[in-house]
PDB file of N, CA and C in Angstrom:
ATOM      1  N   MET A   1       0.838  -1.166   0.000  1.00  0.00           N
ATOM      2  CA  MET A   1       0.000   0.000   0.000  1.00  0.00           C
ATOM      3  C   MET A   1       0.892   1.242   0.000  1.00  0.00           C
ATOM      4  N   SER A   2       0.592   2.190  -0.831  1.00  0.00           N
ATOM      5  CA  SER A   2       1.376   3.406  -0.956  1.00  0.00           C
ATOM      6  C   SER A   2       0.751   4.534  -0.144  1.00  0.00           C
ATOM      7  N   ARG A   3       1.623   5.347   0.462  1.00  0.00           N
ATOM      8  CA  ARG A   3       1.157   6.526   1.194  1.00  0.00           C
ATOM      9  C   ARG A   3       1.669   7.764   0.459  1.00  0.00           C
ATOM     10  N   PRO A   4       0.989   8.895   0.602  1.00  0.00           N
ATOM     11  CA  PRO A   4       1.415  10.101  -0.117  1.00  0.00           C
ATOM     12  C   PRO A   4       2.850  10.528   0.180  1.00  0.00           C
ATOM     13  N   ALA A   5       3.371  10.249   1.364  1.00  0.00           N
ATOM     14  CA  ALA A   5       4.724  10.666   1.724  1.00  0.00           C
ATOM     15  C   ALA A   5       5.796   9.709   1.211  1.00  0.00           C
ATOM     16  N   ASP A   6       5.409   8.549   0.694  1.00  0.00           N
ATOM     17  CA  ASP A   6       6.379   7.594   0.178  1.00  0.00           C
ATOM     18  C   ASP A   6       7.062   8.155  -1.061  1.00  0.00           C
ATOM     19  N   ASP A   7       8.361   7.926  -1.175  1.00  0.00           N
ATOM     20  CA  ASP A   7       9.115   8.356  -2.349  1.00  0.00           C
ATOM     21  C   ASP A   7       9.135   7.186  -3.332  1.00  0.00           C
ATOM     22  N   PRO A   8       8.463   7.322  -4.471  1.00  0.00           N
ATOM     23  CA  PRO A   8       8.417   6.209  -5.412  1.00  0.00           C
ATOM     24  C   PRO A   8       9.758   5.960  -6.107  1.00  0.00           C
ATOM     25  N   PHE A   9      10.663   6.931  -6.062  1.00  0.00           N
ATOM     26  CA  PHE A   9      11.961   6.794  -6.708  1.00  0.00           C
ATOM     27  C   PHE A   9      13.076   7.213  -5.749  1.00  0.00           C
ATOM     28  N   PRO A  10      13.306   6.439  -4.683  1.00  0.00           N
ATOM     29  CA  PRO A  10      14.324   6.821  -3.708  1.00  0.00           C
ATOM     30  C   PRO A  10      15.722   6.835  -4.339  1.00  0.00           C
ATOM     31  N   SER A  11      16.534   7.774  -3.910  1.00  0.00           N
ATOM     32  CA  SER A  11      17.887   7.884  -4.449  1.00  0.00           C
ATOM     33  C   SER A  11      18.749   6.735  -3.958  1.00  0.00           C
ATOM     34  N   THR A  12      19.593   6.252  -4.832  1.00  0.00           N
ATOM     35  CA  THR A  12      20.559   5.220  -4.466  1.00  0.00           C
ATOM     36  C   THR A  12      21.975   5.792  -4.458  1.00  0.00           C
ATOM     37  N   TYR A  13      22.076   7.111  -4.653  1.00  0.00           N
ATOM     38  CA  TYR A  13      23.393   7.762  -4.696  1.00  0.00           C
ATOM     39  C   TYR A  13      24.048   7.741  -3.331  1.00  0.00           C
ATOM     40  N   ARG A  14      25.323   7.405  -3.312  1.00  0.00           N
ATOM     41  CA  ARG A  14      26.133   7.457  -2.101  1.00  0.00           C
ATOM     42  C   ARG A  14      27.409   8.207  -2.455  1.00  0.00           C
ATOM     43  N   ALA A  15      27.672   9.296  -1.766  1.00  0.00           N
ATOM     44  CA  ALA A  15      28.892  10.059  -2.034  1.00  0.00           C
ATOM     45  C   ALA A  15      30.104   9.219  -1.671  1.00  0.00           C
ATOM     46  N   PRO A  16      31.098   9.179  -2.545  1.00  0.00           N
ATOM     47  CA  PRO A  16      32.298   8.410  -2.213  1.00  0.00           C
ATOM     48  C   PRO A  16      33.094   9.084  -1.103  1.00  0.00           C
ATOM     49  N   ALA A  17      33.728   8.275  -0.288  1.00  0.00           N
ATOM     50  CA  ALA A  17      34.584   8.822   0.761  1.00  0.00           C
ATOM     51  C   ALA A  17      35.751   9.534   0.098  1.00  0.00           C
ATOM     52  N   SER A  18      36.094  10.681   0.598  1.00  0.00           N
ATOM     53  CA  SER A  18      37.191  11.438   0.010  1.00  0.00           C
ATOM     54  C   SER A  18      37.875  12.268   1.084  1.00  0.00           C
ATOM     55  N   ARG A  19      39.042  12.747   0.728  1.00  0.00           N
ATOM     56  CA  ARG A  19      39.808  13.614   1.632  1.00  0.00           C
ATOM     57  C   ARG A  19      39.017  14.905   1.837  1.00  0.00           C
ATOM     58  N   PRO A  20      38.961  15.402   3.069  1.00  0.00           N
ATOM     59  CA  PRO A  20      38.245  16.663   3.299  1.00  0.00           C
ATOM     60  C   PRO A  20      38.964  17.815   2.599  1.00  0.00           C
ATOM     61  N   PHE A  21      38.184  18.850   2.265  1.00  0.00           N
ATOM     62  CA  PHE A  21      38.808  20.045   1.710  1.00  0.00           C
ATOM     63  C   PHE A  21      38.147  21.273   2.303  1.00  0.00           C
ATOM     64  N   ALA A  22      38.876  22.378   2.240  1.00  0.00           N
ATOM     65  CA  ALA A  22      38.389  23.642   2.776  1.00  0.00           C
ATOM     66  C   ALA A  22      38.568  24.727   1.728  1.00  0.00           C
ATOM     67  N   ILE A  23      37.571  25.567   1.607  1.00  0.00           N
ATOM     68  CA  ILE A  23      37.640  26.749   0.751  1.00  0.00           C
ATOM     69  C   ILE A  23      37.803  27.923   1.701  1.00  0.00           C
ATOM     70  N   ARG A  24      38.931  28.628   1.599  1.00  0.00           N
ATOM     71  CA  ARG A  24      39.240  29.720   2.529  1.00  0.00           C
ATOM     72  C   ARG A  24      39.270  31.063   1.813  1.00  0.00           C
ATOM     73  N   ASN A  25      39.090  32.110   2.605  1.00  0.00           N
ATOM     74  CA  ASN A  25      39.212  33.493   2.149  1.00  0.00           C
ATOM     75  C   ASN A  25      38.171  33.883   1.104  1.00  0.00           C
ATOM     76  N   ALA A  26      37.073  33.177   1.046  1.00  0.00           N
ATOM     77  CA  ALA A  26      36.015  33.486   0.080  1.00  0.00           C
ATOM     78  C   ALA A  26      34.974  34.403   0.709  1.00  0.00           C
ATOM     79  N   THR A  27      34.286  35.145  -0.145  1.00  0.00           N
ATOM     80  CA  THR A  27      33.090  35.850   0.297  1.00  0.00           C
ATOM     81  C   THR A  27      31.969  34.825   0.158  1.00  0.00           C
ATOM     82  N   ILE A  28      31.363  34.451   1.276  1.00  0.00           N
ATOM     83  CA  ILE A  28      30.341  33.408   1.271  1.00  0.00           C
ATOM     84  C   ILE A  28      28.970  34.051   1.400  1.00  0.00           C
ATOM     85  N   MET A  29      28.142  33.850   0.401  1.00  0.00           N
ATOM     86  CA  MET A  29      26.774  34.358   0.438  1.00  0.00           C
ATOM     87  C   MET A  29      25.882  33.209   0.898  1.00  0.00           C
ATOM     88  N   THR A  30      25.241  33.375   2.031  1.00  0.00           N
ATOM     89  CA  THR A  30      24.389  32.315   2.560  1.00  0.00           C
ATOM     90  C   THR A  30      22.938  32.570   2.176  1.00  0.00           C
ATOM     91  N   ALA A  31      22.154  31.521   2.156  1.00  0.00           N
ATOM     92  CA  ALA A  31      20.734  31.663   1.833  1.00  0.00           C
ATOM     93  C   ALA A  31      19.942  32.117   3.055  1.00  0.00           C
ATOM     94  N   ALA A  32      20.445  31.808   4.243  1.00  0.00           N
ATOM     95  CA  ALA A  32      19.668  32.062   5.461  1.00  0.00           C
ATOM     96  C   ALA A  32      20.241  33.141   6.365  1.00  0.00           C
ATOM     97  N   GLY A  33      21.354  33.735   5.971  1.00  0.00           N
ATOM     98  CA  GLY A  33      21.956  34.710   6.867  1.00  0.00           C
ATOM     99  C   GLY A  33      22.765  35.741   6.123  1.00  0.00           C
ATOM    100  N   PRO A  34      23.558  36.495   6.856  1.00  0.00           N
ATOM    101  CA  PRO A  34      24.352  37.554   6.223  1.00  0.00           C
ATOM    102  C   PRO A  34      25.528  36.985   5.429  1.00  0.00           C
ATOM    103  N   THR A  35      26.056  37.800   4.542  1.00  0.00           N
ATOM    104  CA  THR A  35      27.248  37.444   3.777  1.00  0.00           C
ATOM    105  C   THR A  35      28.439  37.375   4.730  1.00  0.00           C
ATOM    106  N   ILE A  36      29.316  36.386   4.513  1.00  0.00           N
ATOM    107  CA  ILE A  36      30.488  36.194   5.363  1.00  0.00           C
ATOM    108  C   ILE A  36      31.731  36.544   4.553  1.00  0.00           C
ATOM    109  N   PRO A  37      32.348  37.699   4.824  1.00  0.00           N
ATOM    110  CA  PRO A  37      33.585  38.041   4.110  1.00  0.00           C
ATOM    111  C   PRO A  37      34.753  37.227   4.674  1.00  0.00           C
ATOM    112  N   ASN A  38      35.687  36.843   3.806  1.00  0.00           N
ATOM    113  CA  ASN A  38      36.869  36.057   4.216  1.00  0.00           C
ATOM    114  C   ASN A  38      36.474  34.821   5.013  1.00  0.00           C
ATOM    115  N   GLY A  39      35.451  34.135   4.555  1.00  0.00           N
ATOM    116  CA  GLY A  39      34.948  32.957   5.252  1.00  0.00           C
ATOM    117  C   GLY A  39      35.593  31.667   4.789  1.00  0.00           C
ATOM    118  N   THR A  40      35.260  30.608   5.497  1.00  0.00           N
ATOM    119  CA  THR A  40      35.779  29.267   5.209  1.00  0.00           C
ATOM    120  C   THR A  40      34.629  28.280   5.172  1.00  0.00           C
ATOM    121  N   ILE A  41      34.711  27.352   4.226  1.00  0.00           N
ATOM    122  CA  ILE A  41      33.759  26.239   4.125  1.00  0.00           C
ATOM    123  C   ILE A  41      34.579  24.958   4.195  1.00  0.00           C
ATOM    124  N   VAL A  42      34.167  24.021   5.046  1.00  0.00           N
ATOM    125  CA  VAL A  42      34.845  22.727   5.142  1.00  0.00           C
ATOM    126  C   VAL A  42      33.881  21.655   4.636  1.00  0.00           C
ATOM    127  N   VAL A  43      34.387  20.799   3.720  1.00  0.00           N
ATOM    128  CA  VAL A  43      33.594  19.725   3.128  1.00  0.00           C
ATOM    129  C   VAL A  43      34.265  18.396   3.431  1.00  0.00           C
ATOM    130  N   ARG A  44      33.466  17.451   3.939  1.00  0.00           N
ATOM    131  CA  ARG A  44      33.962  16.100   4.233  1.00  0.00           C
ATOM    132  C   ARG A  44      32.971  15.099   3.656  1.00  0.00           C
ATOM    133  N   ASP A  45      33.488  14.148   2.886  1.00  0.00           N
ATOM    134  CA  ASP A  45      32.659  13.105   2.262  1.00  0.00           C
ATOM    135  C   ASP A  45      31.466  13.688   1.505  1.00  0.00           C
ATOM    136  N   GLY A  46      31.717  14.793   0.794  1.00  0.00           N
ATOM    137  CA  GLY A  46      30.683  15.379  -0.051  1.00  0.00           C
ATOM    138  C   GLY A  46      29.660  16.235   0.665  1.00  0.00           C
ATOM    139  N   LYS A  47      29.841  16.464   1.960  1.00  0.00           N
ATOM    140  CA  LYS A  47      28.878  17.263   2.722  1.00  0.00           C
ATOM    141  C   LYS A  47      29.578  18.420   3.411  1.00  0.00           C
ATOM    142  N   ILE A  48      28.909  19.572   3.417  1.00  0.00           N
ATOM    143  CA  ILE A  48      29.437  20.725   4.129  1.00  0.00           C
ATOM    144  C   ILE A  48      29.300  20.458   5.624  1.00  0.00           C
ATOM    145  N   VAL A  49      30.417  20.542   6.333  1.00  0.00           N
ATOM    146  CA  VAL A  49      30.390  20.276   7.775  1.00  0.00           C
ATOM    147  C   VAL A  49      30.641  21.531   8.611  1.00  0.00           C
ATOM    148  N   ALA A  50      31.128  22.612   7.986  1.00  0.00           N
ATOM    149  CA  ALA A  50      31.351  23.857   8.720  1.00  0.00           C
ATOM    150  C   ALA A  50      31.394  25.029   7.750  1.00  0.00           C
ATOM    151  N   VAL A  51      30.812  26.147   8.187  1.00  0.00           N
ATOM    152  CA  VAL A  51      30.831  27.392   7.417  1.00  0.00           C
ATOM    153  C   VAL A  51      30.966  28.533   8.406  1.00  0.00           C
ATOM    154  N   GLY A  52      31.825  29.492   8.123  1.00  0.00           N
ATOM    155  CA  GLY A  52      31.905  30.648   8.997  1.00  0.00           C
ATOM    156  C   GLY A  52      33.185  31.441   8.835  1.00  0.00           C
ATOM    157  N   ALA A  53      33.303  32.469   9.648  1.00  0.00           N
ATOM    158  CA  ALA A  53      34.476  33.337   9.618  1.00  0.00           C
ATOM    159  C   ALA A  53      35.617  32.758  10.448  1.00  0.00           C
ATOM    160  N   ASN A  54      35.300  31.934  11.442  1.00  0.00           N
ATOM    161  CA  ASN A  54      36.314  31.357  12.335  1.00  0.00           C
ATOM    162  C   ASN A  54      36.149  29.849  12.406  1.00  0.00           C
ATOM    163  N   VAL A  55      36.405  29.188  11.296  1.00  0.00           N
ATOM    164  CA  VAL A  55      36.238  27.737  11.211  1.00  0.00           C
ATOM    165  C   VAL A  55      37.608  27.076  11.304  1.00  0.00           C
ATOM    166  N   THR A  56      37.699  26.008  12.089  1.00  0.00           N
ATOM    167  CA  THR A  56      38.939  25.240  12.184  1.00  0.00           C
ATOM    168  C   THR A  56      39.014  24.266  11.017  1.00  0.00           C
ATOM    169  N   VAL A  57      40.102  24.328  10.283  1.00  0.00           N
ATOM    170  CA  VAL A  57      40.309  23.447   9.130  1.00  0.00           C
ATOM    171  C   VAL A  57      41.028  22.192   9.605  1.00  0.00           C
ATOM    172  N   PRO A  58      40.506  20.996   9.279  1.00  0.00           N
ATOM    173  CA  PRO A  58      41.184  19.757   9.682  1.00  0.00           C
ATOM    174  C   PRO A  58      42.603  19.690   9.119  1.00  0.00           C
ATOM    175  N   ALA A  59      43.508  19.103   9.870  1.00  0.00           N
ATOM    176  CA  ALA A  59      44.915  19.016   9.465  1.00  0.00           C
ATOM    177  C   ALA A  59      45.096  18.263   8.158  1.00  0.00           C
ATOM    178  N   ASP A  60      44.211  17.289   7.871  1.00  0.00           N
ATOM    179  CA  ASP A  60      44.361  16.485   6.656  1.00  0.00           C
ATOM    180  C   ASP A  60      43.601  17.051   5.467  1.00  0.00           C
ATOM    181  N   ALA A  61      43.048  18.250   5.599  1.00  0.00           N
ATOM    182  CA  ALA A  61      42.246  18.834   4.521  1.00  0.00           C
ATOM    183  C   ALA A  61      43.113  19.498   3.455  1.00  0.00           C
ATOM    184  N   GLU A  62      42.672  19.354   2.221  1.00  0.00           N
ATOM    185  CA  GLU A  62      43.263  20.118   1.129  1.00  0.00           C
ATOM    186  C   GLU A  62      42.660  21.516   1.222  1.00  0.00           C
ATOM    187  N   VAL A  63      43.463  22.543   1.078  1.00  0.00           N
ATOM    188  CA  VAL A  63      42.980  23.917   1.226  1.00  0.00           C
ATOM    189  C   VAL A  63      43.008  24.624  -0.127  1.00  0.00           C
ATOM    190  N   VAL A  64      41.874  25.221  -0.473  1.00  0.00           N
ATOM    191  CA  VAL A  64      41.741  26.002  -1.697  1.00  0.00           C
ATOM    192  C   VAL A  64      41.638  27.469  -1.293  1.00  0.00           C
ATOM    193  N   ASP A  65      42.552  28.299  -1.795  1.00  0.00           N
ATOM    194  CA  ASP A  65      42.504  29.727  -1.492  1.00  0.00           C
ATOM    195  C   ASP A  65      41.580  30.393  -2.513  1.00  0.00           C
ATOM    196  N   ALA A  66      40.472  30.945  -2.031  1.00  0.00           N
ATOM    197  CA  ALA A  66      39.470  31.556  -2.900  1.00  0.00           C
ATOM    198  C   ALA A  66      39.442  33.073  -2.754  1.00  0.00           C
ATOM    199  N   LYS A  67      40.579  33.674  -2.436  1.00  0.00           N
ATOM    200  CA  LYS A  67      40.639  35.123  -2.264  1.00  0.00           C
ATOM    201  C   LYS A  67      40.132  35.814  -3.532  1.00  0.00           C
ATOM    202  N   GLY A  68      39.214  36.751  -3.344  1.00  0.00           N
ATOM    203  CA  GLY A  68      38.635  37.465  -4.473  1.00  0.00           C
ATOM    204  C   GLY A  68      37.483  36.741  -5.141  1.00  0.00           C
ATOM    205  N   LYS A  69      37.119  35.566  -4.638  1.00  0.00           N
ATOM    206  CA  LYS A  69      36.028  34.764  -5.220  1.00  0.00           C
ATOM    207  C   LYS A  69      34.810  34.818  -4.317  1.00  0.00           C
ATOM    208  N   VAL A  70      33.662  34.478  -4.884  1.00  0.00           N
ATOM    209  CA  VAL A  70      32.397  34.459  -4.153  1.00  0.00           C
ATOM    210  C   VAL A  70      31.814  33.050  -4.240  1.00  0.00           C
ATOM    211  N   VAL A  71      31.346  32.534  -3.109  1.00  0.00           N
ATOM    212  CA  VAL A  71      30.684  31.231  -3.055  1.00  0.00           C
ATOM    213  C   VAL A  71      29.215  31.468  -2.742  1.00  0.00           C
ATOM    214  N   THR A  72      28.330  30.885  -3.544  1.00  0.00           N
ATOM    215  CA  THR A  72      26.896  31.034  -3.349  1.00  0.00           C
ATOM    216  C   THR A  72      26.250  29.677  -3.126  1.00  0.00           C
ATOM    217  N   PRO A  73      25.078  29.632  -2.499  1.00  0.00           N
ATOM    218  CA  PRO A  73      24.396  28.354  -2.317  1.00  0.00           C
ATOM    219  C   PRO A  73      23.904  27.809  -3.659  1.00  0.00           C
ATOM    220  N   GLY A  74      23.811  26.509  -3.710  1.00  0.00           N
ATOM    221  CA  GLY A  74      23.220  25.874  -4.890  1.00  0.00           C
ATOM    222  C   GLY A  74      24.239  25.343  -5.789  1.00  0.00           C
TER     223      GLY A  74
END
């Protein structure tokens, strides 16, 4: 029996495990809050795990310097 909330086509996608990376020194435009100048985004296993002006970057992360660049949601 099907219910309206059931997903008839559930996703089978699984993000591959990967080395974490950080985007630093970017102007980050958020959908829910103010713009963060010189911000950092940390991504682990395909998911954003931290965003902000004072984010600790993991020691094993690859770091991308995005000075002069803008990061937007989506």
